[in-house]
Amino acid sequence: MGLSDWPPSERPREKLLRNGARSLTDGELLAVLLGQGTAREDALQLSHRLLRTCGDLSRVLTASPTILKQSPGLGPARIARIKAALESGRRHLEAPVPHRGALSAPEDAVRFFRARLADLPHEVFSCLFLDTRHRLIRYEELFRGTVDGAAVYPREVLKRALHHNAAAVIFGHNHPSGVSEPSEADRGITLKLGRALALVDIRLLDHLVVTRDGHVSLAERGWI
């Protein structure tokens, strides 16, 4: 029996339109994204199998196309939908929205950086440029590196902050190793950047090191 044969009140798409996307389980949400199932599985069964195979929704969305195509029922069209959904969410987070609320808690920035950086195989140093009310002006990836680190140049960071007329910034970078503990180099560049920004009255609010499973805030450690 396909999803079209289900009672309307139980179909994921109708449930989403009636009650909102937050009312859906991970399996139901993925089923809506995939659109339809196969001759052997409906979309919800296919979604649940993907979740069991990958571990959770985040891992389904971030799995490489090479991994996804090994799963029966996933062809180029469905894989493209999955990757497009992930990138759409990331770009929504990055978009400068004038009426967006301020980043009111460290967890707001943590969620942002983890969504964008946690699954990358290489290290990326990025920045949230904020206005005087701590609302997002722009998110930018500033430097890319290997799993061993990324070279960070204070002059370039300062130039971008002045370009955006930022009043405050939050830095974030990922540790592809999965270990979120900041290195001595992380602490050193944070101090250097903080001093450079202070010269032009731009506040460094935090520097977050993120991984898939955790994060460390240098501000919470008292290192800013």
Protein backbone atom coordinates (compact mmCIF):
# COMPACT_ATOMS: atom_id res chain seq x y z
CA MET A 1 0.00 0.00 0.00
CA GLY A 2 1.41 3.38 -1.03
CA LEU A 3 1.03 6.63 0.91
CA SER A 4 -1.79 7.66 -1.42
CA ASP A 5 -3.81 4.76 -0.02
CA TRP A 6 -3.41 5.99 3.57
CA PRO A 7 -6.21 7.93 5.26
CA PRO A 8 -5.65 11.63 4.44
CA SER A 9 -5.19 12.51 8.11
CA GLU A 10 -2.18 10.16 8.33
CA ARG A 11 -0.33 11.14 5.14
CA PRO A 12 2.88 13.07 5.92
CA ARG A 13 2.31 15.75 3.27
CA GLU A 14 -1.24 16.48 4.38
CA LYS A 15 -0.14 16.41 8.01
CA LEU A 16 2.57 18.96 7.23
CA LEU A 17 0.15 21.31 5.47
CA ARG A 18 -2.43 20.95 8.24
CA ASN A 19 -0.22 21.12 11.33
CA GLY A 20 3.10 22.52 10.14
CA ALA A 21 6.47 20.89 9.42
CA ARG A 22 7.36 20.69 13.12
CA SER A 23 4.56 18.19 13.66
CA LEU A 24 6.30 15.59 11.49
CA THR A 25 8.68 12.92 12.70
CA ASP A 26 12.09 12.65 11.06
CA GLY A 27 10.80 9.75 8.97
CA GLU A 28 7.73 11.65 7.84
CA LEU A 29 9.76 14.73 6.97
CA LEU A 30 12.18 12.67 4.90
CA ALA A 31 9.26 10.90 3.21
CA VAL A 32 7.84 14.26 2.08
CA LEU A 33 11.28 15.21 0.77
CA LEU A 34 11.68 11.96 -1.19
CA GLY A 35 8.21 12.33 -2.67
CA GLN A 36 7.47 8.69 -3.38
CA GLY A 37 8.72 5.24 -2.66
CA THR A 38 9.56 2.26 -4.84
CA ALA A 39 7.69 -0.81 -6.04
CA ARG A 40 8.63 -2.55 -2.79
CA GLU A 41 8.49 0.30 -0.26
CA ASP A 42 6.37 3.38 0.17
CA ALA A 43 8.15 6.67 0.88
CA LEU A 44 7.82 6.32 4.65
CA GLN A 45 9.27 2.81 4.68
CA LEU A 46 12.14 3.97 2.49
CA SER A 47 12.73 6.90 4.84
CA HIS A 48 12.80 4.71 7.94
CA ARG A 49 15.28 2.36 6.28
CA LEU A 50 17.54 5.29 5.44
CA LEU A 51 17.36 6.55 9.01
CA ARG A 52 18.27 3.13 10.38
CA THR A 53 21.16 2.78 7.93
CA CYS A 54 22.63 6.24 8.46
CA GLY A 55 21.75 6.70 12.13
CA ASP A 56 19.65 9.86 12.13
CA LEU A 57 18.24 12.57 9.87
CA SER A 58 21.35 14.73 10.07
CA ARG A 59 23.52 11.88 8.81
CA VAL A 60 21.10 11.16 5.96
CA LEU A 61 21.22 14.78 4.83
CA THR A 62 25.00 15.07 5.07
CA ALA A 63 25.90 11.67 3.62
CA SER A 64 27.82 11.89 0.36
CA PRO A 65 26.04 11.04 -2.91
CA THR A 66 28.38 8.06 -3.22
CA ILE A 67 27.10 6.65 0.06
CA LEU A 68 23.46 7.47 -0.64
CA LYS A 69 23.38 5.80 -4.05
CA GLN A 70 24.34 2.50 -2.40
CA SER A 71 20.90 2.44 -0.80
CA PRO A 72 18.22 0.71 -2.93
CA GLY A 73 15.58 3.14 -4.10
CA LEU A 74 17.81 6.22 -4.16
CA GLY A 75 18.57 7.41 -7.66
CA PRO A 76 20.03 10.72 -8.85
CA ALA A 77 16.74 12.62 -8.51
CA ARG A 78 16.12 11.66 -4.87
CA ILE A 79 19.76 12.20 -3.93
CA ALA A 80 19.64 15.64 -5.55
CA ARG A 81 16.53 16.50 -3.48
CA ILE A 82 18.33 15.51 -0.27
CA LYS A 83 21.42 17.59 -1.05
CA ALA A 84 19.30 20.56 -2.20
CA ALA A 85 17.28 20.47 1.03
CA LEU A 86 20.45 20.57 3.12
CA GLU A 87 21.94 23.46 1.18
CA SER A 88 18.62 25.37 1.26
CA GLY A 89 18.62 25.18 5.04
CA ARG A 90 22.21 26.33 5.22
CA ARG A 91 21.60 29.29 2.93
CA HIS A 92 18.55 30.29 4.92
CA LEU A 93 20.74 30.48 8.02
CA GLU A 94 23.29 32.61 6.17
CA ALA A 95 20.82 35.08 4.66
CA PRO A 96 20.92 38.60 6.12
CA VAL A 97 17.37 39.18 7.35
CA PRO A 98 16.83 42.71 8.69
CA HIS A 99 14.02 41.69 11.04
CA ARG A 100 15.66 38.55 12.35
CA GLY A 101 15.93 38.49 16.11
CA ALA A 102 19.20 39.01 17.86
CA LEU A 103 21.45 36.12 18.78
CA SER A 104 20.38 36.10 22.40
CA ALA A 105 22.23 33.04 23.69
CA PRO A 106 25.42 31.14 22.88
CA GLU A 107 23.31 28.20 21.72
CA ASP A 108 22.01 30.30 18.80
CA ALA A 109 25.49 30.67 17.37
CA VAL A 110 26.38 27.07 18.16
CA ARG A 111 23.42 25.78 16.13
CA PHE A 112 24.37 28.07 13.27
CA PHE A 113 28.01 26.99 13.07
CA ARG A 114 27.26 23.31 13.57
CA ALA A 115 24.72 23.36 10.74
CA ARG A 116 27.26 24.88 8.39
CA LEU A 117 30.57 23.40 9.48
CA ALA A 118 30.28 20.27 11.59
CA ASP A 119 30.24 17.77 8.72
CA LEU A 120 33.00 19.26 6.57
CA PRO A 121 36.10 17.08 6.00
CA HIS A 122 38.42 20.09 6.14
CA GLU A 123 38.83 22.90 8.65
CA VAL A 124 36.98 26.16 7.95
CA PHE A 125 37.26 29.40 9.91
CA SER A 126 34.12 31.50 9.59
CA CYS A 127 32.47 34.53 11.10
CA LEU A 128 29.06 35.93 12.03
CA PHE A 129 29.11 39.69 11.51
CA LEU A 130 26.56 41.37 13.80
CA ASP A 131 25.07 44.83 14.22
CA THR A 132 24.80 46.79 17.47
CA ARG A 133 21.77 44.69 18.51
CA HIS A 134 23.58 41.44 17.74
CA ARG A 135 21.43 40.79 14.68
CA LEU A 136 23.02 38.96 11.77
CA ILE A 137 24.46 41.15 9.02
CA ARG A 138 26.32 38.42 7.16
CA TYR A 139 27.90 35.02 7.59
CA GLU A 140 31.14 34.36 5.74
CA GLU A 141 33.64 31.55 5.48
CA LEU A 142 36.94 33.37 5.74
CA PHE A 143 39.65 30.72 5.58
CA ARG A 144 39.84 27.08 4.55
CA GLY A 145 42.45 24.53 5.44
CA THR A 146 43.12 20.85 5.77
CA VAL A 147 42.38 18.56 8.69
CA ASP A 148 45.53 20.01 10.26
CA GLY A 149 44.27 23.57 10.47
CA ALA A 150 43.52 26.80 8.62
CA ALA A 151 45.77 29.84 8.35
CA VAL A 152 43.94 32.87 9.75
CA TYR A 153 45.06 36.40 8.86
CA PRO A 154 43.87 39.19 11.23
CA ARG A 155 44.23 41.85 8.53
CA GLU A 156 41.71 40.07 6.30
CA VAL A 157 39.30 39.51 9.19
CA LEU A 158 39.47 43.20 10.10
CA LYS A 159 38.91 44.21 6.49
CA ARG A 160 35.74 42.11 6.23
CA ALA A 161 34.38 43.37 9.56
CA LEU A 162 34.84 46.99 8.48
CA HIS A 163 33.34 46.23 5.08
CA HIS A 164 30.15 45.00 6.75
CA ASN A 165 30.17 47.82 9.30
CA ALA A 166 29.94 45.19 12.03
CA ALA A 167 29.67 46.18 15.66
CA ALA A 168 30.44 42.68 16.93
CA VAL A 169 31.58 39.33 15.62
CA ILE A 170 31.44 35.67 16.59
CA PHE A 171 34.05 33.34 15.13
CA GLY A 172 33.52 29.66 14.56
CA HIS A 173 35.57 26.86 13.12
CA ASN A 174 35.28 23.10 12.96
CA HIS A 175 37.58 20.31 14.04
CA PRO A 176 37.19 17.47 11.49
CA SER A 177 38.89 15.16 13.98
CA GLY A 178 35.71 15.22 16.06
CA VAL A 179 37.56 16.58 19.11
CA SER A 180 36.21 20.01 20.00
CA GLU A 181 38.89 20.94 22.54
CA PRO A 182 40.59 24.19 21.37
CA SER A 183 44.29 24.01 20.57
CA GLU A 184 46.91 26.47 21.76
CA ALA A 185 46.88 27.88 18.23
CA ASP A 186 43.11 28.44 18.53
CA ARG A 187 43.60 30.36 21.76
CA GLY A 188 46.49 32.36 20.32
CA ILE A 189 44.71 33.51 17.18
CA THR A 190 41.61 34.40 19.23
CA LEU A 191 43.64 36.74 21.42
CA LYS A 192 45.32 38.27 18.38
CA LEU A 193 42.01 38.82 16.59
CA GLY A 194 40.38 40.26 19.71
CA ARG A 195 43.15 42.85 20.08
CA ALA A 196 42.96 43.82 16.41
CA LEU A 197 39.18 44.24 16.49
CA ALA A 198 39.27 46.24 19.73
CA LEU A 199 41.39 48.89 18.00
CA VAL A 200 38.39 49.75 15.79
CA ASP A 201 35.73 49.24 18.51
CA ILE A 202 34.42 45.91 17.23
CA ARG A 203 33.57 43.42 19.97
CA LEU A 204 34.62 39.80 19.77
CA LEU A 205 31.75 38.03 21.52
CA ASP A 206 32.90 34.44 21.19
CA HIS A 207 34.94 31.89 19.28
CA LEU A 208 33.30 28.50 18.95
CA VAL A 209 34.96 25.23 18.04
CA VAL A 210 32.34 22.82 16.70
CA THR A 211 32.11 19.16 15.78
CA ARG A 212 29.19 16.92 14.93
CA ASP A 213 28.78 15.86 18.54
CA GLY A 214 29.86 18.87 20.55
CA HIS A 215 31.36 22.31 20.84
CA VAL A 216 33.53 24.49 23.03
CA SER A 217 33.00 28.21 23.64
CA LEU A 218 36.20 30.11 24.29
CA ALA A 219 34.14 32.86 25.93
CA GLU A 220 32.61 30.39 28.38
CA ARG A 221 36.12 29.19 29.18
CA GLY A 222 37.04 32.78 30.05
CA TRP A 223 39.58 33.03 27.23
CA ILE A 224 37.99 36.11 25.61
